[in-house]
Amino acid sequence: MSDLPAVTIETPVGDFTVHIETGQAPVTSANFLAYVDAGAYNGGRFHRTVTPDNQPDDTIKIAVVQGSVNEVIQSEDTQPIPLERSTSTGLNHLDGAISMARRDPDSAKSDFFICVGDQPELDFGGKRNPDGQGFAAFGRVTSGMEVVRAINEAPKEGQRLMPPVPIISIRRKTESGV
């Protein structure tokens, strides 16, 4: 994985590293890295946590944490990207997978989520989203998964983290590790 670009996600809970699969999910990776390079996630937040106990109306249970860009610099002008399905990328929603949040196919912009545990119902053909198209995984947490788990278990009201967990920064890791 050392030849893949990596980002460090810094939070008050701790930091974690995500390797980005630019070869397997080029459109989704380029989209996410463009937001990273623009500093759009700096000052953003993890605002949603989905755990087995806060989905009373869902028959298909998942576990994820969802993050978003800084609301001050979020632009309504950004265009959604095409959905890179797990059937075309080969990237599944395993423990630590990072993926783009969406409502409809081809509607993802900047919100992302990280899987806590394997989440096959988020892959193409999965039943979490009624359209069955799945979500676009584009990388994986390679260190610091305990931080993601701590965010997933942070105080919440329903699925809203209360308070949200700030994203201090998301920045590319350099070869020197910074």
N, C-alpha and C. Protein backbone atom coordinates (compact mmCIF):
# COMPACT_ATOMS: atom_id res chain seq x y z
N MET A 1 0.80 -1.20 0.00
CA MET A 1 0.00 0.00 0.00
C MET A 1 0.84 1.26 0.00
N SER A 2 2.15 1.13 0.13
CA SER A 2 2.97 2.33 0.26
C SER A 2 2.97 3.19 -1.00
N ASP A 3 2.60 2.62 -2.16
CA ASP A 3 2.56 3.42 -3.38
C ASP A 3 1.23 4.16 -3.54
N LEU A 4 0.28 3.90 -2.65
CA LEU A 4 -1.00 4.60 -2.70
C LEU A 4 -0.92 5.90 -1.93
N PRO A 5 -1.61 6.94 -2.40
CA PRO A 5 -1.65 8.16 -1.59
C PRO A 5 -2.35 7.88 -0.27
N ALA A 6 -1.89 8.55 0.75
CA ALA A 6 -2.48 8.39 2.07
C ALA A 6 -2.82 9.77 2.62
N VAL A 7 -3.86 9.80 3.45
CA VAL A 7 -4.22 11.04 4.14
C VAL A 7 -4.26 10.75 5.64
N THR A 8 -3.95 11.78 6.40
CA THR A 8 -4.08 11.72 7.85
C THR A 8 -5.32 12.52 8.22
N ILE A 9 -6.20 11.91 8.98
CA ILE A 9 -7.39 12.59 9.48
C ILE A 9 -7.16 12.87 10.95
N GLU A 10 -7.08 14.16 11.28
CA GLU A 10 -6.77 14.60 12.64
C GLU A 10 -8.05 15.06 13.34
N THR A 11 -8.31 14.47 14.51
CA THR A 11 -9.48 14.83 15.31
C THR A 11 -9.03 14.99 16.77
N PRO A 12 -9.85 15.61 17.62
CA PRO A 12 -9.51 15.69 19.04
C PRO A 12 -9.48 14.31 19.71
N VAL A 13 -10.13 13.32 19.11
CA VAL A 13 -10.16 11.97 19.65
C VAL A 13 -8.85 11.24 19.34
N GLY A 14 -8.17 11.65 18.28
CA GLY A 14 -6.93 11.04 17.82
C GLY A 14 -6.86 11.12 16.30
N ASP A 15 -5.76 10.64 15.76
CA ASP A 15 -5.54 10.68 14.32
C ASP A 15 -5.61 9.28 13.74
N PHE A 16 -5.96 9.20 12.46
CA PHE A 16 -5.91 7.93 11.75
C PHE A 16 -5.51 8.18 10.31
N THR A 17 -5.01 7.11 9.68
CA THR A 17 -4.50 7.20 8.31
C THR A 17 -5.37 6.36 7.39
N VAL A 18 -5.64 6.92 6.22
CA VAL A 18 -6.43 6.25 5.19
C VAL A 18 -5.61 6.21 3.91
N HIS A 19 -5.46 5.02 3.32
CA HIS A 19 -4.84 4.90 2.00
C HIS A 19 -5.95 4.97 0.96
N ILE A 20 -5.71 5.74 -0.08
CA ILE A 20 -6.71 6.01 -1.12
C ILE A 20 -6.40 5.16 -2.35
N GLU A 21 -7.38 4.43 -2.82
CA GLU A 21 -7.24 3.51 -3.95
C GLU A 21 -7.48 4.24 -5.27
N THR A 22 -6.50 5.05 -5.68
CA THR A 22 -6.65 5.86 -6.89
C THR A 22 -6.75 5.03 -8.16
N GLY A 23 -6.13 3.86 -8.19
CA GLY A 23 -6.20 3.02 -9.39
C GLY A 23 -7.52 2.31 -9.54
N GLN A 24 -8.08 1.84 -8.42
CA GLN A 24 -9.32 1.07 -8.49
C GLN A 24 -10.57 1.95 -8.51
N ALA A 25 -10.50 3.10 -7.88
CA ALA A 25 -11.66 4.03 -7.84
C ALA A 25 -11.17 5.43 -8.22
N PRO A 26 -10.77 5.62 -9.47
CA PRO A 26 -10.14 6.89 -9.86
C PRO A 26 -11.03 8.12 -9.73
N VAL A 27 -12.29 8.02 -10.09
CA VAL A 27 -13.19 9.18 -10.05
C VAL A 27 -13.46 9.59 -8.60
N THR A 28 -13.81 8.61 -7.77
CA THR A 28 -14.14 8.89 -6.38
C THR A 28 -12.91 9.38 -5.63
N SER A 29 -11.76 8.75 -5.86
CA SER A 29 -10.51 9.16 -5.22
C SER A 29 -10.14 10.58 -5.60
N ALA A 30 -10.21 10.90 -6.89
CA ALA A 30 -9.87 12.25 -7.35
C ALA A 30 -10.80 13.28 -6.71
N ASN A 31 -12.07 12.95 -6.61
CA ASN A 31 -13.04 13.85 -5.99
C ASN A 31 -12.66 14.12 -4.52
N PHE A 32 -12.44 13.06 -3.74
CA PHE A 32 -12.08 13.21 -2.34
C PHE A 32 -10.77 13.98 -2.18
N LEU A 33 -9.75 13.62 -2.96
CA LEU A 33 -8.45 14.28 -2.83
C LEU A 33 -8.52 15.75 -3.25
N ALA A 34 -9.41 16.09 -4.16
CA ALA A 34 -9.58 17.51 -4.53
C ALA A 34 -10.10 18.30 -3.33
N TYR A 35 -11.06 17.73 -2.59
CA TYR A 35 -11.54 18.39 -1.37
C TYR A 35 -10.42 18.47 -0.33
N VAL A 36 -9.63 17.41 -0.19
CA VAL A 36 -8.50 17.42 0.75
C VAL A 36 -7.53 18.52 0.37
N ASP A 37 -7.12 18.55 -0.89
CA ASP A 37 -6.12 19.53 -1.34
C ASP A 37 -6.62 20.97 -1.23
N ALA A 38 -7.93 21.16 -1.33
CA ALA A 38 -8.51 22.50 -1.19
C ALA A 38 -8.68 22.89 0.28
N GLY A 39 -8.42 21.96 1.20
CA GLY A 39 -8.59 22.25 2.63
C GLY A 39 -10.04 22.27 3.07
N ALA A 40 -10.92 21.70 2.26
CA ALA A 40 -12.35 21.79 2.53
C ALA A 40 -12.79 20.99 3.76
N TYR A 41 -12.04 19.95 4.12
CA TYR A 41 -12.41 19.17 5.30
C TYR A 41 -11.86 19.76 6.59
N ASN A 42 -10.87 20.66 6.49
CA ASN A 42 -10.30 21.28 7.67
C ASN A 42 -11.38 22.12 8.34
N GLY A 43 -11.67 21.81 9.59
CA GLY A 43 -12.78 22.48 10.28
C GLY A 43 -14.12 21.83 10.01
N GLY A 44 -14.10 20.70 9.31
CA GLY A 44 -15.33 19.93 9.09
C GLY A 44 -15.68 19.15 10.36
N ARG A 45 -16.46 18.09 10.17
CA ARG A 45 -16.86 17.34 11.37
C ARG A 45 -17.37 15.96 11.03
N PHE A 46 -17.23 15.08 12.02
CA PHE A 46 -17.96 13.83 12.00
C PHE A 46 -19.27 14.13 12.70
N HIS A 47 -20.37 14.02 11.99
CA HIS A 47 -21.67 14.45 12.53
C HIS A 47 -22.65 13.31 12.72
N ARG A 48 -22.34 12.14 12.16
CA ARG A 48 -23.30 11.03 12.22
C ARG A 48 -22.58 9.75 12.60
N THR A 49 -23.21 8.99 13.46
CA THR A 49 -22.72 7.66 13.79
C THR A 49 -23.90 6.70 13.73
N VAL A 50 -23.68 5.60 13.05
CA VAL A 50 -24.73 4.58 12.92
C VAL A 50 -24.21 3.33 13.63
N THR A 51 -24.96 2.90 14.63
CA THR A 51 -24.60 1.72 15.42
C THR A 51 -25.79 0.76 15.41
N PRO A 52 -25.57 -0.48 15.80
CA PRO A 52 -26.69 -1.43 15.79
C PRO A 52 -27.90 -0.99 16.63
N ASP A 53 -27.66 -0.15 17.64
CA ASP A 53 -28.77 0.23 18.53
C ASP A 53 -29.48 1.53 18.16
N ASN A 54 -29.07 2.23 17.11
CA ASN A 54 -29.76 3.49 16.77
C ASN A 54 -30.40 3.47 15.38
N GLN A 55 -30.86 2.30 14.97
CA GLN A 55 -31.52 2.12 13.67
C GLN A 55 -32.83 1.35 13.85
N PRO A 56 -33.72 1.83 14.71
CA PRO A 56 -34.91 1.03 15.03
C PRO A 56 -35.81 0.73 13.84
N ASP A 57 -35.81 1.59 12.83
CA ASP A 57 -36.71 1.39 11.69
C ASP A 57 -36.05 0.67 10.51
N ASP A 58 -34.77 0.32 10.65
CA ASP A 58 -34.05 -0.32 9.55
C ASP A 58 -33.93 -1.82 9.78
N THR A 59 -34.33 -2.59 8.79
CA THR A 59 -34.17 -4.04 8.90
C THR A 59 -32.74 -4.45 8.60
N ILE A 60 -32.04 -3.69 7.78
CA ILE A 60 -30.64 -3.93 7.46
C ILE A 60 -29.81 -2.98 8.30
N LYS A 61 -29.09 -3.52 9.28
CA LYS A 61 -28.29 -2.71 10.20
C LYS A 61 -26.87 -2.56 9.67
N ILE A 62 -26.29 -1.38 9.88
CA ILE A 62 -24.91 -1.11 9.51
C ILE A 62 -24.22 -0.40 10.67
N ALA A 63 -22.92 -0.22 10.56
CA ALA A 63 -22.15 0.56 11.53
C ALA A 63 -21.13 1.41 10.76
N VAL A 64 -21.32 2.73 10.82
CA VAL A 64 -20.43 3.68 10.13
C VAL A 64 -20.36 4.98 10.92
N VAL A 65 -19.33 5.78 10.61
CA VAL A 65 -19.28 7.18 11.04
C VAL A 65 -19.21 8.02 9.78
N GLN A 66 -19.90 9.15 9.78
CA GLN A 66 -19.97 9.99 8.58
C GLN A 66 -19.38 11.35 8.85
N GLY A 67 -18.54 11.80 7.91
CA GLY A 67 -17.90 13.10 8.02
C GLY A 67 -18.28 14.02 6.89
N SER A 68 -18.04 15.32 7.12
CA SER A 68 -18.41 16.32 6.12
C SER A 68 -17.40 17.46 6.09
N VAL A 69 -17.46 18.22 5.01
CA VAL A 69 -16.58 19.37 4.84
C VAL A 69 -16.96 20.48 5.82
N ASN A 70 -16.09 21.46 5.91
CA ASN A 70 -16.34 22.66 6.70
C ASN A 70 -17.53 23.39 6.07
N GLU A 71 -18.59 23.61 6.84
CA GLU A 71 -19.81 24.24 6.32
C GLU A 71 -19.57 25.65 5.80
N VAL A 72 -18.57 26.34 6.33
CA VAL A 72 -18.29 27.71 5.91
C VAL A 72 -17.80 27.75 4.47
N ILE A 73 -17.05 26.73 4.06
CA ILE A 73 -16.51 26.75 2.70
C ILE A 73 -17.21 25.79 1.76
N GLN A 74 -18.24 25.12 2.26
CA GLN A 74 -19.00 24.20 1.40
C GLN A 74 -19.69 25.00 0.31
N SER A 75 -19.61 24.50 -0.89
CA SER A 75 -20.20 25.21 -2.03
C SER A 75 -21.35 24.40 -2.61
N GLU A 76 -22.42 25.08 -2.89
CA GLU A 76 -23.55 24.43 -3.57
C GLU A 76 -23.24 24.20 -5.04
N ASP A 77 -22.17 24.82 -5.54
CA ASP A 77 -21.82 24.71 -6.95
C ASP A 77 -21.13 23.40 -7.32
N THR A 78 -20.70 22.64 -6.33
CA THR A 78 -19.98 21.41 -6.64
C THR A 78 -20.90 20.42 -7.35
N GLN A 79 -20.33 19.73 -8.27
CA GLN A 79 -21.09 18.78 -9.07
C GLN A 79 -20.97 17.38 -8.48
N PRO A 80 -22.05 16.61 -8.48
CA PRO A 80 -21.96 15.22 -8.02
C PRO A 80 -21.12 14.40 -8.98
N ILE A 81 -20.62 13.29 -8.47
CA ILE A 81 -19.78 12.42 -9.29
C ILE A 81 -20.51 11.11 -9.62
N PRO A 82 -20.11 10.45 -10.70
CA PRO A 82 -20.71 9.16 -11.04
C PRO A 82 -20.36 8.12 -9.96
N LEU A 83 -21.28 7.23 -9.71
CA LEU A 83 -21.09 6.17 -8.72
C LEU A 83 -20.17 5.08 -9.28
N GLU A 84 -19.05 4.85 -8.59
CA GLU A 84 -18.15 3.75 -8.94
C GLU A 84 -18.55 2.56 -8.07
N ARG A 85 -19.31 1.67 -8.63
CA ARG A 85 -19.88 0.53 -7.90
C ARG A 85 -18.80 -0.50 -7.54
N SER A 86 -19.03 -1.22 -6.46
CA SER A 86 -18.08 -2.23 -6.01
C SER A 86 -17.86 -3.31 -7.07
N THR A 87 -18.84 -3.52 -7.94
CA THR A 87 -18.67 -4.52 -9.01
C THR A 87 -17.63 -4.08 -10.04
N SER A 88 -17.42 -2.77 -10.20
CA SER A 88 -16.42 -2.31 -11.16
C SER A 88 -15.07 -2.03 -10.49
N THR A 89 -15.06 -1.66 -9.21
CA THR A 89 -13.79 -1.32 -8.54
C THR A 89 -13.16 -2.51 -7.82
N GLY A 90 -13.99 -3.46 -7.41
CA GLY A 90 -13.49 -4.56 -6.59
C GLY A 90 -13.26 -4.17 -5.15
N LEU A 91 -13.65 -2.97 -4.78
CA LEU A 91 -13.48 -2.49 -3.41
C LEU A 91 -14.78 -2.69 -2.64
N ASN A 92 -14.71 -3.49 -1.61
CA ASN A 92 -15.90 -3.78 -0.81
C ASN A 92 -15.88 -3.01 0.50
N HIS A 93 -17.01 -2.98 1.14
CA HIS A 93 -17.19 -2.23 2.39
C HIS A 93 -16.82 -3.12 3.58
N LEU A 94 -15.51 -3.32 3.71
CA LEU A 94 -14.95 -4.09 4.81
C LEU A 94 -14.63 -3.15 5.97
N ASP A 95 -14.25 -3.71 7.10
CA ASP A 95 -13.88 -2.91 8.26
C ASP A 95 -12.83 -1.88 7.87
N GLY A 96 -13.10 -0.60 8.13
CA GLY A 96 -12.17 0.47 7.82
C GLY A 96 -12.29 1.06 6.43
N ALA A 97 -13.19 0.53 5.59
CA ALA A 97 -13.35 1.10 4.24
C ALA A 97 -13.88 2.53 4.34
N ILE A 98 -13.37 3.40 3.49
CA ILE A 98 -13.89 4.76 3.37
C ILE A 98 -14.68 4.80 2.07
N SER A 99 -15.83 5.46 2.11
CA SER A 99 -16.76 5.45 0.98
C SER A 99 -17.49 6.78 0.93
N MET A 100 -18.04 7.10 -0.22
CA MET A 100 -18.79 8.35 -0.37
C MET A 100 -20.26 8.14 0.01
N ALA A 101 -20.78 9.08 0.79
CA ALA A 101 -22.20 9.07 1.14
C ALA A 101 -22.99 9.56 -0.08
N ARG A 102 -24.22 9.08 -0.21
CA ARG A 102 -25.07 9.51 -1.32
C ARG A 102 -26.52 9.22 -0.98
N ARG A 103 -27.40 9.85 -1.71
CA ARG A 103 -28.82 9.52 -1.63
C ARG A 103 -29.18 8.65 -2.82
N ASP A 104 -28.96 9.17 -4.01
CA ASP A 104 -29.27 8.47 -5.26
C ASP A 104 -27.96 8.13 -5.97
N PRO A 105 -27.98 7.18 -6.92
CA PRO A 105 -26.77 6.94 -7.72
C PRO A 105 -26.34 8.25 -8.38
N ASP A 106 -25.07 8.44 -8.50
CA ASP A 106 -24.49 9.63 -9.15
C ASP A 106 -24.83 10.93 -8.42
N SER A 107 -24.98 10.87 -7.09
CA SER A 107 -25.31 12.08 -6.34
C SER A 107 -24.26 12.44 -5.28
N ALA A 108 -23.19 11.64 -5.13
CA ALA A 108 -22.18 11.92 -4.10
C ALA A 108 -21.41 13.19 -4.43
N LYS A 109 -21.13 13.95 -3.37
CA LYS A 109 -20.31 15.15 -3.53
C LYS A 109 -19.12 15.09 -2.58
N SER A 110 -19.32 15.43 -1.30
CA SER A 110 -18.19 15.54 -0.38
C SER A 110 -18.30 14.71 0.89
N ASP A 111 -19.51 14.41 1.36
CA ASP A 111 -19.64 13.62 2.59
C ASP A 111 -19.10 12.22 2.37
N PHE A 112 -18.42 11.70 3.38
CA PHE A 112 -17.85 10.37 3.32
C PHE A 112 -18.19 9.62 4.60
N PHE A 113 -18.04 8.31 4.55
CA PHE A 113 -18.23 7.52 5.76
C PHE A 113 -17.16 6.45 5.84
N ILE A 114 -16.97 5.96 7.07
CA ILE A 114 -16.00 4.89 7.32
C ILE A 114 -16.75 3.74 7.97
N CYS A 115 -16.54 2.54 7.44
CA CYS A 115 -17.20 1.35 7.96
C CYS A 115 -16.56 0.88 9.25
N VAL A 116 -17.40 0.53 10.21
CA VAL A 116 -16.96 -0.08 11.45
C VAL A 116 -17.44 -1.53 11.40
N GLY A 117 -16.51 -2.43 11.13
CA GLY A 117 -16.87 -3.82 10.85
C GLY A 117 -17.19 -3.97 9.37
N ASP A 118 -17.28 -5.21 8.91
CA ASP A 118 -17.63 -5.47 7.51
C ASP A 118 -19.09 -5.12 7.28
N GLN A 119 -19.36 -4.42 6.16
CA GLN A 119 -20.71 -3.96 5.84
C GLN A 119 -21.09 -4.36 4.41
N PRO A 120 -21.27 -5.65 4.14
CA PRO A 120 -21.56 -6.11 2.78
C PRO A 120 -22.87 -5.55 2.21
N GLU A 121 -23.78 -5.13 3.05
CA GLU A 121 -25.05 -4.57 2.55
C GLU A 121 -24.87 -3.19 1.92
N LEU A 122 -23.64 -2.63 2.00
CA LEU A 122 -23.34 -1.35 1.36
C LEU A 122 -22.68 -1.54 -0.01
N ASP A 123 -22.36 -2.79 -0.37
CA ASP A 123 -21.81 -3.10 -1.69
C ASP A 123 -22.92 -3.18 -2.71
N PHE A 124 -22.55 -3.22 -3.99
CA PHE A 124 -23.53 -3.40 -5.06
C PHE A 124 -24.35 -4.65 -4.76
N GLY A 125 -25.66 -4.55 -4.90
CA GLY A 125 -26.55 -5.65 -4.62
C GLY A 125 -26.98 -5.72 -3.16
N GLY A 126 -26.36 -4.92 -2.31
CA GLY A 126 -26.74 -4.89 -0.90
C GLY A 126 -28.10 -4.25 -0.72
N LYS A 127 -28.71 -4.53 0.40
CA LYS A 127 -30.08 -4.08 0.63
C LYS A 127 -30.21 -2.84 1.50
N ARG A 128 -29.09 -2.23 1.92
CA ARG A 128 -29.22 -1.04 2.78
C ARG A 128 -29.87 0.12 2.02
N ASN A 129 -29.46 0.33 0.77
CA ASN A 129 -30.08 1.36 -0.05
C ASN A 129 -31.06 0.65 -0.99
N PRO A 130 -32.32 1.09 -1.01
CA PRO A 130 -33.33 0.38 -1.81
C PRO A 130 -32.99 0.21 -3.29
N ASP A 131 -32.11 1.08 -3.85
CA ASP A 131 -31.80 0.94 -5.27
C ASP A 131 -30.81 -0.19 -5.55
N GLY A 132 -30.18 -0.75 -4.51
CA GLY A 132 -29.28 -1.88 -4.67
C GLY A 132 -27.96 -1.58 -5.36
N GLN A 133 -27.70 -0.30 -5.62
CA GLN A 133 -26.48 0.07 -6.35
C GLN A 133 -25.24 0.15 -5.46
N GLY A 134 -25.43 0.16 -4.16
CA GLY A 134 -24.31 0.23 -3.25
C GLY A 134 -23.71 1.62 -3.19
N PHE A 135 -22.55 1.69 -2.57
CA PHE A 135 -21.84 2.96 -2.38
C PHE A 135 -20.44 2.81 -2.96
N ALA A 136 -19.73 3.92 -3.10
CA ALA A 136 -18.42 3.93 -3.76
C ALA A 136 -17.29 3.93 -2.73
N ALA A 137 -16.83 2.73 -2.37
CA ALA A 137 -15.64 2.63 -1.51
C ALA A 137 -14.43 3.07 -2.33
N PHE A 138 -13.49 3.77 -1.67
CA PHE A 138 -12.33 4.25 -2.40
C PHE A 138 -11.04 4.21 -1.59
N GLY A 139 -11.04 3.52 -0.48
CA GLY A 139 -9.83 3.41 0.32
C GLY A 139 -10.11 2.68 1.61
N ARG A 140 -9.09 2.69 2.50
CA ARG A 140 -9.24 1.95 3.75
C ARG A 140 -8.34 2.53 4.83
N VAL A 141 -8.86 2.55 6.05
CA VAL A 141 -8.07 2.96 7.20
C VAL A 141 -6.96 1.93 7.39
N THR A 142 -5.72 2.41 7.47
CA THR A 142 -4.58 1.50 7.63
C THR A 142 -3.92 1.63 8.99
N SER A 143 -4.22 2.69 9.72
CA SER A 143 -3.77 2.80 11.11
C SER A 143 -4.71 3.75 11.84
N GLY A 144 -4.93 3.44 13.12
CA GLY A 144 -5.78 4.29 13.94
C GLY A 144 -7.24 3.92 13.94
N MET A 145 -7.57 2.69 13.57
CA MET A 145 -8.97 2.28 13.53
C MET A 145 -9.62 2.41 14.91
N GLU A 146 -8.84 2.37 15.98
CA GLU A 146 -9.40 2.55 17.33
C GLU A 146 -10.00 3.95 17.48
N VAL A 147 -9.48 4.93 16.75
CA VAL A 147 -10.04 6.28 16.78
C VAL A 147 -11.41 6.29 16.12
N VAL A 148 -11.53 5.61 14.98
CA VAL A 148 -12.81 5.52 14.28
C VAL A 148 -13.84 4.84 15.19
N ARG A 149 -13.44 3.78 15.86
CA ARG A 149 -14.36 3.07 16.76
C ARG A 149 -14.78 3.97 17.93
N ALA A 150 -13.86 4.78 18.44
CA ALA A 150 -14.20 5.70 19.53
C ALA A 150 -15.21 6.74 19.05
N ILE A 151 -15.06 7.25 17.83
CA ILE A 151 -16.02 8.21 17.28
C ILE A 151 -17.37 7.52 17.12
N ASN A 152 -17.36 6.28 16.66
CA ASN A 152 -18.60 5.52 16.47
C ASN A 152 -19.36 5.35 17.79
N GLU A 153 -18.65 5.29 18.89
CA GLU A 153 -19.27 5.08 20.20
C GLU A 153 -19.42 6.38 21.00
N ALA A 154 -19.12 7.52 20.40
CA ALA A 154 -19.22 8.81 21.10
C ALA A 154 -20.68 9.13 21.42
N PRO A 155 -20.92 10.06 22.35
CA PRO A 155 -22.30 10.42 22.70
C PRO A 155 -23.10 10.86 21.47
N LYS A 156 -24.37 10.44 21.47
CA LYS A 156 -25.22 10.72 20.31
C LYS A 156 -26.67 10.86 20.74
N GLU A 157 -27.41 11.52 19.89
CA GLU A 157 -28.87 11.57 19.99
C GLU A 157 -29.38 10.98 18.68
N GLY A 158 -29.96 9.81 18.76
CA GLY A 158 -30.30 9.10 17.52
C GLY A 158 -29.01 8.79 16.80
N GLN A 159 -28.88 9.24 15.56
CA GLN A 159 -27.65 9.02 14.79
C GLN A 159 -26.77 10.27 14.75
N ARG A 160 -27.19 11.35 15.38
CA ARG A 160 -26.41 12.59 15.40
C ARG A 160 -25.40 12.56 16.54
N LEU A 161 -24.14 12.75 16.22
CA LEU A 161 -23.13 12.87 17.26
C LEU A 161 -23.37 14.17 18.01
N MET A 162 -23.40 14.08 19.34
CA MET A 162 -23.71 15.24 20.18
C MET A 162 -22.65 15.36 21.27
N PRO A 163 -21.72 16.24 21.14
CA PRO A 163 -21.53 17.16 20.01
C PRO A 163 -20.83 16.44 18.84
N PRO A 164 -20.88 17.05 17.66
CA PRO A 164 -20.12 16.49 16.54
C PRO A 164 -18.63 16.43 16.91
N VAL A 165 -17.92 15.50 16.30
CA VAL A 165 -16.48 15.40 16.52
C VAL A 165 -15.79 16.22 15.43
N PRO A 166 -15.06 17.27 15.83
CA PRO A 166 -14.41 18.11 14.82
C PRO A 166 -13.35 17.37 14.01
N ILE A 167 -13.28 17.71 12.74
CA ILE A 167 -12.16 17.30 11.91
C ILE A 167 -11.21 18.49 11.93
N ILE A 168 -10.09 18.33 12.61
CA ILE A 168 -9.12 19.42 12.66
C ILE A 168 -8.54 19.62 11.28
N SER A 169 -8.11 18.51 10.67
CA SER A 169 -7.61 18.59 9.30
C SER A 169 -7.62 17.21 8.67
N ILE A 170 -7.68 17.23 7.36
CA ILE A 170 -7.37 16.04 6.55
C ILE A 170 -6.32 16.52 5.56
N ARG A 171 -5.17 15.89 5.62
CA ARG A 171 -4.08 16.31 4.75
C ARG A 171 -3.36 15.07 4.19
N ARG A 172 -2.77 15.24 3.04
CA ARG A 172 -2.00 14.15 2.44
C ARG A 172 -0.76 13.89 3.28
N LYS A 173 -0.45 12.63 3.43
CA LYS A 173 0.80 12.24 4.08
C LYS A 173 1.91 12.33 3.05
N THR A 174 3.05 12.83 3.47
CA THR A 174 4.21 12.85 2.59
C THR A 174 5.05 11.63 2.87
N GLU A 175 6.06 11.42 2.05
CA GLU A 175 6.94 10.26 2.25
C GLU A 175 7.61 10.32 3.61
N SER A 176 7.82 11.51 4.17
CA SER A 176 8.46 11.63 5.48
C SER A 176 7.47 11.32 6.60
N GLY A 177 6.17 11.10 6.22
CA GLY A 177 5.17 10.73 7.22
C GLY A 177 4.33 11.88 7.71
N VAL A 178 4.64 13.09 7.31
CA VAL A 178 3.88 14.25 7.78
C VAL A 178 2.75 14.57 6.81
